[in-house]
Amino acid sequence: MRICLLEDDLLLGRALTAWLTAAGDQVTWIRLARDFDPATATDDFDALVLDLGLADADGITVLRRLRKTGASLPVVIITARGELDQRLDGLDSSGMCTSGDQTQERWVKARCSTSWLMDLKKRGAL
């Protein structure tokens, strides 16, 4: 699976890249929102793992830009934001799910698994 990881934190980005690569995925790690091109994302990737607290932009803004292109790319939102309203903003912007703890390796792997995404596609959720 080709996964785009949009995460600005160096330690977390390295850890997620290592975990996803070890699971057999191809990971392209992008640290700044300005380097992510929503227009080509669907052609280049099978899924996006998106941090809401990026250094140069809000992740919700990035997600909305992606959805304006008409892309149905599955998005897994990772965030340390604890407020329910902030996490629900991600769902309202067509993110697949949110987490209050972005360090849970198994959670991210499960959400990015091919079988999970394929099941959503079959049910018309994507």
Protein backbone atom coordinates (compact mmCIF):
# COMPACT_ATOMS: atom_id res chain seq x y z
CA MET A 1 0.00 0.00 0.00
CA ARG A 2 1.28 3.49 -0.86
CA ILE A 3 0.80 5.73 2.16
CA CYS A 4 1.44 9.44 2.39
CA LEU A 5 2.37 10.47 5.92
CA LEU A 6 1.85 14.19 6.52
CA GLU A 7 3.48 14.70 9.93
CA ASP A 8 5.86 17.46 11.03
CA ASP A 9 7.17 15.88 14.24
CA LEU A 10 10.57 14.28 13.58
CA LEU A 11 10.39 11.49 16.17
CA LEU A 12 6.80 10.55 15.45
CA GLY A 13 7.34 10.69 11.69
CA ARG A 14 10.33 8.38 11.94
CA ALA A 15 8.43 5.96 14.17
CA LEU A 16 5.32 5.85 11.97
CA THR A 17 7.44 5.45 8.84
CA ALA A 18 9.33 2.56 10.42
CA TRP A 19 6.15 0.86 11.67
CA LEU A 20 4.29 1.17 8.38
CA THR A 21 7.33 0.12 6.32
CA ALA A 22 7.83 -2.92 8.55
CA ALA A 23 4.19 -3.81 7.86
CA GLY A 24 4.99 -3.86 4.13
CA ASP A 25 3.71 -0.44 3.12
CA GLN A 26 5.51 2.14 0.98
CA VAL A 27 5.61 5.39 2.93
CA THR A 28 6.23 8.87 1.60
CA TRP A 29 6.79 11.14 4.57
CA ILE A 30 6.02 14.83 4.02
CA ARG A 31 6.71 17.24 6.86
CA LEU A 32 5.05 20.44 5.60
CA ALA A 33 1.55 21.01 4.26
CA ARG A 34 2.90 23.22 1.47
CA ASP A 35 4.75 20.18 0.09
CA PHE A 36 1.57 18.09 -0.17
CA ASP A 37 -0.23 18.37 -3.50
CA PRO A 38 -3.93 17.48 -3.16
CA ALA A 39 -4.35 17.47 -6.94
CA THR A 40 -2.09 14.44 -7.40
CA ALA A 41 -2.64 12.70 -4.07
CA THR A 42 -5.17 10.17 -5.37
CA ASP A 43 -2.87 9.16 -8.22
CA ASP A 44 0.20 8.91 -6.01
CA PHE A 45 -1.19 7.30 -2.84
CA ASP A 46 -3.67 4.73 -1.53
CA ALA A 47 -4.15 6.48 1.83
CA LEU A 48 -3.14 9.60 3.74
CA VAL A 49 -2.13 9.63 7.40
CA LEU A 50 -2.64 13.25 8.44
CA ASP A 51 -1.58 15.09 11.57
CA LEU A 52 -3.91 17.95 12.47
CA GLY A 53 -1.21 20.02 14.17
CA LEU A 54 1.22 20.73 11.35
CA ALA A 55 3.87 23.44 11.65
CA ASP A 56 2.75 25.44 8.60
CA ALA A 57 -1.00 24.72 8.36
CA ASP A 58 -3.93 23.22 10.17
CA GLY A 59 -4.55 19.62 9.12
CA ILE A 60 -8.29 20.29 8.74
CA THR A 61 -7.47 22.94 6.13
CA VAL A 62 -5.30 20.43 4.27
CA LEU A 63 -8.11 17.86 4.38
CA ARG A 64 -10.67 20.36 3.10
CA ARG A 65 -8.33 21.31 0.21
CA LEU A 66 -8.00 17.63 -0.65
CA ARG A 67 -11.77 17.07 -0.62
CA LYS A 68 -12.36 20.15 -2.82
CA THR A 69 -10.42 18.38 -5.58
CA GLY A 70 -13.03 15.62 -5.48
CA ALA A 71 -10.48 13.10 -4.20
CA SER A 72 -11.88 10.19 -2.23
CA LEU A 73 -8.47 9.23 -0.86
CA PRO A 74 -8.92 7.51 2.53
CA VAL A 75 -7.58 9.71 5.32
CA VAL A 76 -6.56 8.58 8.78
CA ILE A 77 -6.30 11.53 11.14
CA ILE A 78 -3.82 11.43 13.98
CA THR A 79 -3.90 14.12 16.61
CA ALA A 80 -2.90 14.93 20.12
CA ARG A 81 -5.83 17.32 20.37
CA GLY A 82 -7.99 16.26 23.24
CA GLU A 83 -11.11 18.34 22.68
CA LEU A 84 -13.98 16.35 21.20
CA ASP A 85 -15.06 19.23 18.95
CA GLN A 86 -11.60 19.46 17.43
CA ARG A 87 -11.53 15.75 16.66
CA LEU A 88 -15.06 15.82 15.26
CA ASP A 89 -13.99 18.59 12.87
CA GLY A 90 -11.79 15.95 11.25
CA LEU A 91 -14.71 13.61 10.75
CA ASP A 92 -16.87 16.43 9.43
CA SER A 93 -14.15 17.15 6.87
CA SER A 94 -14.30 13.55 5.59
CA GLY A 95 -11.43 12.11 7.58
CA MET A 96 -11.82 8.43 8.28
CA CYS A 97 -11.20 8.50 12.01
CA THR A 98 -9.38 10.33 14.74
CA SER A 99 -7.32 9.42 17.76
CA GLY A 100 -6.38 11.33 20.85
CA ASP A 101 -3.12 9.38 21.11
CA GLN A 102 -0.91 9.47 18.05
CA THR A 103 1.68 7.07 19.46
CA GLN A 104 -0.38 3.90 19.22
CA GLU A 105 1.36 1.84 16.57
CA ARG A 106 -1.34 -0.84 16.33
CA TRP A 107 -4.08 1.77 15.90
CA VAL A 108 -2.39 3.41 12.92
CA LYS A 109 -1.50 0.08 11.32
CA ALA A 110 -5.07 -1.18 11.68
CA ARG A 111 -6.54 1.93 10.12
CA CYS A 112 -4.13 1.80 7.20
CA SER A 113 -4.51 -1.89 6.48
CA THR A 114 -5.49 -2.81 2.98
CA SER A 115 -8.34 -5.03 4.12
CA TRP A 116 -9.88 -2.20 6.16
CA LEU A 117 -9.75 0.23 3.26
CA MET A 118 -11.01 -2.33 0.76
CA ASP A 119 -13.95 -3.14 3.03
CA LEU A 120 -14.88 0.54 3.18
CA LYS A 121 -14.70 0.80 -0.62
CA LYS A 122 -16.95 -2.26 -1.05
CA ARG A 123 -19.53 -0.75 1.31
CA GLY A 124 -19.45 2.52 -0.61
CA ALA A 125 -18.05 4.46 2.32
CA LEU A 126 -15.20 5.87 0.18
